[in-house]
C-alpha atoms as a PDB file:
ATOM      1  CA  MET A   1       1.951  -6.357  20.996  1.00  0.00           C
ATOM      2  CA  LYS A   2       5.076  -7.008  19.964  1.00  0.00           C
ATOM      3  CA  THR A   3       6.434  -6.035  16.094  1.00  0.00           C
ATOM      4  CA  THR A   4       9.524  -6.224  14.143  1.00  0.00           C
ATOM      5  CA  ILE A   5      11.309  -3.546  12.331  1.00  0.00           C
ATOM      6  CA  SER A   6      12.662  -4.926   8.892  1.00  0.00           C
ATOM      7  CA  SER A   7      16.291  -4.763   7.096  1.00  0.00           C
ATOM      8  CA  LYS A   8      14.778  -1.738   5.204  1.00  0.00           C
ATOM      9  CA  GLY A   9      13.251   0.305   8.292  1.00  0.00           C
ATOM     10  CA  GLN A  10       9.929  -0.892   7.694  1.00  0.00           C
ATOM     11  CA  ILE A  11       7.386  -1.655  10.982  1.00  0.00           C
ATOM     12  CA  VAL A  12       4.553  -3.758  10.420  1.00  0.00           C
ATOM     13  CA  ILE A  13       1.137  -3.151  11.864  1.00  0.00           C
ATOM     14  CA  PRO A  14      -0.277  -6.456  13.554  1.00  0.00           C
ATOM     15  CA  ALA A  15      -3.751  -7.623  11.101  1.00  0.00           C
ATOM     16  CA  GLU A  16      -5.767  -7.699  14.184  1.00  0.00           C
ATOM     17  CA  PHE A  17      -4.592  -3.909  14.269  1.00  0.00           C
ATOM     18  CA  ARG A  18      -5.227  -3.310  10.593  1.00  0.00           C
ATOM     19  CA  LYS A  19      -8.429  -4.785  10.454  1.00  0.00           C
ATOM     20  CA  LYS A  20     -10.169  -3.508  13.212  1.00  0.00           C
ATOM     21  CA  ASP A  21      -9.251   0.062  12.091  1.00  0.00           C
ATOM     22  CA  LYS A  22      -9.852  -0.105   8.534  1.00  0.00           C
ATOM     23  CA  ILE A  23      -6.482   0.678   7.501  1.00  0.00           C
ATOM     24  CA  GLU A  24      -5.765  -0.086   3.750  1.00  0.00           C
ATOM     25  CA  THR A  25      -2.171  -0.376   1.826  1.00  0.00           C
ATOM     26  CA  GLY A  26      -1.376   2.987   1.007  1.00  0.00           C
ATOM     27  CA  GLN A  27      -2.476   4.842   3.201  1.00  0.00           C
ATOM     28  CA  ALA A  28      -0.577   7.509   4.979  1.00  0.00           C
ATOM     29  CA  PHE A  29       0.512   8.373   8.726  1.00  0.00           C
ATOM     30  CA  ASP A  30       2.060  10.787  10.494  1.00  0.00           C
ATOM     31  CA  ILE A  31       5.205   9.810  12.939  1.00  0.00           C
ATOM     32  CA  ASP A  32       6.080  11.866  15.903  1.00  0.00           C
ATOM     33  CA  ARG A  33       8.880  11.228  18.826  1.00  0.00           C
ATOM     34  CA  VAL A  34       7.538  11.507  21.595  1.00  0.00           C
ATOM     35  CA  ASP A  35      10.866  10.623  23.584  1.00  0.00           C
ATOM     36  CA  ARG A  36      13.688   8.168  23.293  1.00  0.00           C
ATOM     37  CA  GLY A  37      12.221   4.650  22.334  1.00  0.00           C
ATOM     38  CA  GLU A  38       8.636   6.458  21.728  1.00  0.00           C
ATOM     39  CA  TYR A  39       6.761   6.896  19.211  1.00  0.00           C
ATOM     40  CA  ARG A  40       3.436   8.351  17.972  1.00  0.00           C
ATOM     41  CA  LEU A  41       1.773   7.154  14.563  1.00  0.00           C
ATOM     42  CA  LEU A  42      -1.104   8.763  13.044  1.00  0.00           C
ATOM     43  CA  ALA A  43      -3.664   8.247  10.424  1.00  0.00           C
ATOM     44  CA  THR A  44      -3.504  11.177   7.815  1.00  0.00           C
ATOM     45  CA  ASP A  45      -5.772  10.750   5.894  1.00  0.00           C
ATOM     46  CA  PRO A  46      -9.255   8.318   5.970  1.00  0.00           C
ATOM     47  CA  PRO A  47      -9.256   5.757   3.055  1.00  0.00           C
ATOM     48  CA  LYS A  48     -11.378   7.038   0.288  1.00  0.00           C
ATOM     49  CA  ASN A  49     -15.684   6.214   0.553  1.00  0.00           C
ATOM     50  CA  GLN A  50     -15.104   5.674   4.209  1.00  0.00           C
ATOM     51  CA  GLY A  51     -18.345   4.908   6.073  1.00  0.00           C
ATOM     52  CA  LEU A  52     -19.532   4.758   2.836  1.00  0.00           C
ATOM     53  CA  VAL A  53     -21.068   1.521   2.621  1.00  0.00           C
ATOM     54  CA  ASP A  54     -21.995   2.033   6.143  1.00  0.00           C
ATOM     55  CA  THR A  55     -24.176   4.489   5.421  1.00  0.00           C
ATOM     56  CA  LEU A  56     -25.516   2.605   2.456  1.00  0.00           C
ATOM     57  CA  LEU A  57     -26.298   0.059   4.231  1.00  0.00           C
ATOM     58  CA  SER A  58     -28.232   1.668   7.131  1.00  0.00           C
ATOM     59  CA  CYS A  59     -30.958   2.811   4.781  1.00  0.00           C
ATOM     60  CA  PRO A  60     -34.106   0.853   5.917  1.00  0.00           C
ATOM     61  CA  VAL A  61     -35.882  -0.432   2.770  1.00  0.00           C
ATOM     62  CA  LYS A  62     -35.024  -0.328  -0.944  1.00  0.00           C
ATOM     63  CA  GLY A  63     -36.214   3.086  -2.453  1.00  0.00           C
ATOM     64  CA  TRP A  64     -36.238   4.374   0.862  1.00  0.00           C
ATOM     65  CA  PHE A  65     -34.998   7.603  -1.283  1.00  0.00           C
ATOM     66  CA  VAL A  66     -37.167   8.909  -3.829  1.00  0.00           C
ATOM     67  CA  PRO A  67     -37.470  11.470  -5.918  1.00  0.00           C
ATOM     68  CA  ILE A  68     -39.703  14.871  -4.917  1.00  0.00           C
ATOM     69  CA  ASP A  69     -40.553  17.080  -8.061  1.00  0.00           C
ATOM     70  CA  SER A  70     -39.092  20.123  -8.088  1.00  0.00           C
ATOM     71  CA  GLU A  71     -38.887  23.539 -10.256  1.00  0.00           C
ATOM     72  CA  SER A  72     -35.496  23.053 -13.078  1.00  0.00           C
ATOM     73  CA  THR A  73     -32.526  24.861 -12.905  1.00  0.00           C
ATOM     74  CA  ASP A  74     -32.124  24.402 -16.175  1.00  0.00           C
ATOM     75  CA  THR A  75     -33.817  27.631 -17.210  1.00  0.00           C
ATOM     76  CA  LEU A  76     -31.822  29.659 -13.938  1.00  0.00           C
ATOM     77  CA  GLU A  77     -29.457  32.807 -15.185  1.00  0.00           C
ATOM     78  CA  ALA A  78     -26.366  33.874 -13.703  1.00  0.00           C
ATOM     79  CA  PRO A  79     -26.231  37.327 -11.663  1.00  0.00           C
ATOM     80  CA  SER A  80     -24.744  40.110 -13.657  1.00  0.00           C
END
């Protein structure tokens, strides 16, 4: 897929790739020069909460997670 460099030196990642890889505005990348005319672009950090919605939607039914009875930790003392 072709793209063009702007007068400011910016390269646009095509919308198809941004959508497929969930690339969001402000996401950081590292760029390495592999050879003359060959570059490698790597995302440095995933977007915040990446996968959170998928995890929540994968819960089988509402109420899947239920509280359990357990001892309170309020009365515990820190070790001396």
